[in-house]
N, C-alpha and C. Protein backbone atom coordinates (compact mmCIF):
# COMPACT_ATOMS: atom_id res chain seq x y z
N UNK A 1 0.55 -1.17 0.37
CA UNK A 1 0.19 -0.06 -0.26
C UNK A 1 0.94 1.02 -0.12
N UNK A 2 0.25 2.26 -0.43
CA UNK A 2 1.13 3.50 -0.71
C UNK A 2 0.17 4.20 0.11
N UNK A 3 0.67 4.96 1.29
CA UNK A 3 -0.46 6.18 1.99
C UNK A 3 0.48 7.27 1.88
N UNK A 4 -0.28 8.12 1.96
CA UNK A 4 0.38 9.81 2.72
C UNK A 4 -0.36 9.87 4.40
N UNK A 5 -0.99 9.46 4.67
CA UNK A 5 -1.94 9.64 6.26
C UNK A 5 -1.09 8.74 7.27
N UNK A 6 -0.52 9.29 7.96
CA UNK A 6 0.07 8.19 9.19
C UNK A 6 -0.68 7.55 9.56
N UNK A 7 -2.15 7.49 9.96
CA UNK A 7 -2.91 6.54 10.59
C UNK A 7 -2.99 5.34 9.98
N UNK A 8 -3.21 5.21 8.17
CA UNK A 8 -3.26 4.57 7.39
C UNK A 8 -2.47 3.66 7.97
N UNK A 9 -0.93 3.87 7.61
CA UNK A 9 0.01 2.84 7.90
C UNK A 9 0.44 2.67 9.33
N UNK A 10 0.12 3.03 10.21
CA UNK A 10 0.76 2.95 11.26
C UNK A 10 0.75 1.23 11.91
N UNK A 11 -0.52 0.80 11.28
CA UNK A 11 -0.81 -0.61 11.56
C UNK A 11 -0.34 -1.67 10.66
N UNK A 12 0.60 -1.01 9.21
CA UNK A 12 1.23 -2.15 8.70
C UNK A 12 2.25 -3.06 9.38
N UNK A 13 2.70 -3.84 8.67
CA UNK A 13 3.65 -4.84 9.48
C UNK A 13 5.16 -3.88 9.06
N UNK A 14 5.51 -3.52 7.93
CA UNK A 14 6.83 -2.86 7.41
C UNK A 14 6.40 -1.44 7.03
N UNK A 15 6.91 -0.18 7.14
CA UNK A 15 6.92 0.68 6.87
C UNK A 15 8.06 1.48 5.82
N UNK A 16 7.80 1.77 4.60
CA UNK A 16 9.29 2.40 4.26
C UNK A 16 8.96 3.70 3.93
N UNK A 17 10.17 4.66 4.19
CA UNK A 17 9.73 6.18 4.47
C UNK A 17 10.87 6.50 3.17
N UNK A 18 10.14 7.57 2.39
CA UNK A 18 11.17 7.50 1.48
C UNK A 18 11.09 9.29 1.38
N UNK A 19 12.18 9.74 0.51
CA UNK A 19 12.58 10.88 0.42
C UNK A 19 12.95 11.07 -0.71
N UNK A 20 12.69 12.00 -1.62
CA UNK A 20 12.68 11.79 -3.29
C UNK A 20 13.47 10.55 -3.93
N UNK A 21 12.53 9.72 -3.57
CA UNK A 21 12.68 8.41 -4.24
C UNK A 21 13.29 7.64 -4.14
N UNK A 22 14.01 7.65 -2.70
CA UNK A 22 15.10 6.95 -1.54
C UNK A 22 14.32 6.82 -0.53
N UNK A 23 14.97 5.37 -0.22
CA UNK A 23 14.70 4.46 0.85
C UNK A 23 15.11 5.57 2.17
N UNK A 24 14.64 6.01 3.06
CA UNK A 24 15.80 6.85 4.40
C UNK A 24 15.08 5.85 5.64
N UNK A 25 14.38 5.38 5.57
CA UNK A 25 14.34 4.60 6.83
C UNK A 25 12.50 3.30 6.49
N UNK A 26 13.11 2.40 7.25
CA UNK A 26 12.10 0.90 6.83
C UNK A 26 12.30 0.37 8.24
N UNK A 27 10.84 -0.27 8.81
CA UNK A 27 10.74 -0.75 9.96
C UNK A 27 9.26 -0.61 10.39
N UNK A 28 8.89 -0.99 11.39
CA UNK A 28 7.30 -1.08 11.87
C UNK A 28 7.32 0.70 12.63
N UNK A 29 6.09 0.88 12.53
CA UNK A 29 5.57 1.92 13.39
C UNK A 29 6.22 2.33 14.70
N UNK A 30 6.06 1.13 15.55
CA UNK A 30 7.34 1.51 16.57
C UNK A 30 8.65 1.69 16.87
N UNK A 31 8.71 0.57 16.04
CA UNK A 31 10.45 0.60 15.60
C UNK A 31 10.61 2.42 15.27
N UNK A 32 9.93 2.52 14.70
CA UNK A 32 10.79 4.24 13.27
C UNK A 32 10.37 5.25 14.47
N UNK A 33 9.47 4.78 15.23
CA UNK A 33 9.02 5.98 16.40
C UNK A 33 10.40 5.75 17.39
N UNK A 34 10.67 4.80 17.79
CA UNK A 34 11.52 4.80 18.48
C UNK A 34 13.14 5.37 17.75
N UNK A 35 12.98 5.04 16.91
CA UNK A 35 14.93 5.33 16.05
C UNK A 35 15.12 6.80 16.16
N UNK A 36 13.45 7.51 15.88
CA UNK A 36 13.36 9.07 16.37
C UNK A 36 13.94 9.53 15.19
N UNK A 37 14.00 9.00 13.75
CA UNK A 37 14.09 9.55 12.61
C UNK A 37 13.51 10.67 12.01
N UNK A 38 13.05 10.55 10.74
CA UNK A 38 11.62 10.85 9.67
C UNK A 38 10.93 10.84 10.29
N UNK A 39 10.39 9.39 10.28
CA UNK A 39 8.88 8.81 10.61
C UNK A 39 8.43 9.84 11.57
N UNK A 40 9.34 9.39 13.01
CA UNK A 40 8.97 9.52 14.01
C UNK A 40 9.03 11.52 14.40
N UNK A 41 9.47 12.02 13.39
CA UNK A 41 9.32 13.75 13.38
C UNK A 41 8.14 13.85 12.73
N UNK A 42 7.70 13.37 11.70
CA UNK A 42 6.50 13.64 11.23
C UNK A 42 5.52 13.25 11.89
N UNK A 43 5.61 12.14 12.40
CA UNK A 43 4.14 11.84 13.56
C UNK A 43 4.34 12.82 14.38
N UNK A 44 5.25 12.85 14.76
CA UNK A 44 5.30 13.90 16.35
C UNK A 44 4.82 14.72 16.19
N UNK A 45 5.43 15.46 14.62
CA UNK A 45 4.71 16.44 14.62
C UNK A 45 2.83 17.07 14.33
N UNK A 46 2.65 16.04 13.44
CA UNK A 46 1.06 15.89 13.49
C UNK A 46 0.41 15.16 14.46
N UNK A 47 0.99 14.68 15.26
CA UNK A 47 -0.30 14.11 16.52
C UNK A 47 0.53 14.77 17.98
N UNK A 48 1.22 16.03 17.64
CA UNK A 48 1.88 16.47 18.84
C UNK A 48 1.05 16.85 20.09
N UNK A 49 -0.27 16.76 19.84
CA UNK A 49 -1.06 17.20 21.10
C UNK A 49 -1.73 15.79 21.58
N UNK A 50 -1.25 14.94 21.32
CA UNK A 50 -1.48 13.42 21.99
C UNK A 50 -0.65 13.16 23.21
N UNK A 51 -1.69 12.68 23.87
CA UNK A 51 -0.39 11.90 25.50
C UNK A 51 0.70 11.36 25.45
N UNK A 52 1.85 11.14 26.46
CA UNK A 52 2.44 10.42 25.64
C UNK A 52 2.19 8.72 25.74
N UNK A 53 0.75 8.78 26.35
CA UNK A 53 0.16 7.52 26.63
C UNK A 53 -0.52 7.04 25.25
N UNK A 54 0.22 7.17 23.85
CA UNK A 54 -0.26 6.81 22.79
C UNK A 54 -0.73 5.51 23.02
N UNK A 55 -1.54 5.36 22.19
CA UNK A 55 -2.01 3.56 21.75
C UNK A 55 -2.35 3.71 20.41
N UNK A 56 -2.18 2.57 19.64
CA UNK A 56 -2.51 2.70 18.14
C UNK A 56 -3.95 2.98 17.70
N UNK A 57 -4.34 3.65 17.14
CA UNK A 57 -5.66 4.14 17.03
C UNK A 57 -6.09 5.53 17.61
N UNK A 58 -5.20 6.02 18.22
CA UNK A 58 -5.38 7.37 18.73
C UNK A 58 -4.84 8.57 17.43
N UNK A 59 -4.17 7.94 16.71
CA UNK A 59 -3.98 8.61 15.32
C UNK A 59 -5.18 8.85 14.38
N UNK A 60 -5.99 7.81 14.47
CA UNK A 60 -6.97 7.41 13.24
C UNK A 60 -8.37 8.29 13.96
N UNK A 61 -8.45 8.19 15.32
CA UNK A 61 -9.05 9.42 16.10
C UNK A 61 -8.88 10.61 16.03
N UNK A 62 -7.87 11.14 16.00
CA UNK A 62 -7.07 12.19 16.27
C UNK A 62 -7.35 12.78 14.51
N UNK A 63 -6.98 12.46 13.65
CA UNK A 63 -7.32 12.81 12.34
C UNK A 63 -8.75 12.78 11.96
N UNK A 64 -9.94 11.79 12.60
CA UNK A 64 -11.05 12.36 12.17
C UNK A 64 -11.56 13.06 12.82
N UNK A 65 -11.16 13.90 14.33
CA UNK A 65 -11.37 14.71 14.81
C UNK A 65 -10.75 16.87 14.08
N UNK A 66 -9.69 16.03 13.72
CA UNK A 66 -9.26 17.47 12.78
C UNK A 66 -10.19 17.50 11.54
N UNK A 67 -10.54 16.54 11.00
CA UNK A 67 -11.18 16.21 9.72
C UNK A 67 -12.82 17.34 10.40
N UNK A 68 -13.35 16.45 11.19
CA UNK A 68 -14.82 17.20 11.56
C UNK A 68 -14.41 18.82 11.88
N UNK A 69 -13.32 18.56 12.60
CA UNK A 69 -13.35 20.67 13.44
C UNK A 69 -12.99 21.39 12.42
N UNK A 70 -12.26 20.74 10.93
CA UNK A 70 -12.16 21.55 9.99
C UNK A 70 -13.76 21.57 8.96
N UNK A 71 -14.22 20.80 8.74
CA UNK A 71 -15.79 20.87 8.14
C UNK A 71 -16.67 21.34 9.01
N UNK A 72 -16.53 21.88 10.36
CA UNK A 72 -17.51 22.54 10.74
C UNK A 72 -17.18 24.32 11.04
N UNK A 73 -16.14 24.30 10.95
CA UNK A 73 -15.64 25.77 10.85
C UNK A 73 -15.59 26.31 9.21
N UNK A 74 -16.04 25.23 8.44
CA UNK A 74 -16.32 26.26 6.65
C UNK A 74 -17.67 26.74 6.89
């Protein structure tokens, strides 16, 4: 699967992070977060409002909340 939404890929068995067509990271969601690289930076930037007690599924909930908030402000 190819996805741009972090909540879509976080449950994948393997995540490959590309930058300008080159593989820069490869691993599981938890492994990439622990590595502190590009994926971790993107994830933490996007979901910085989450608590340190992050659990899988919260990302999708947060994205839905953001989408609903954006739709209601139009």
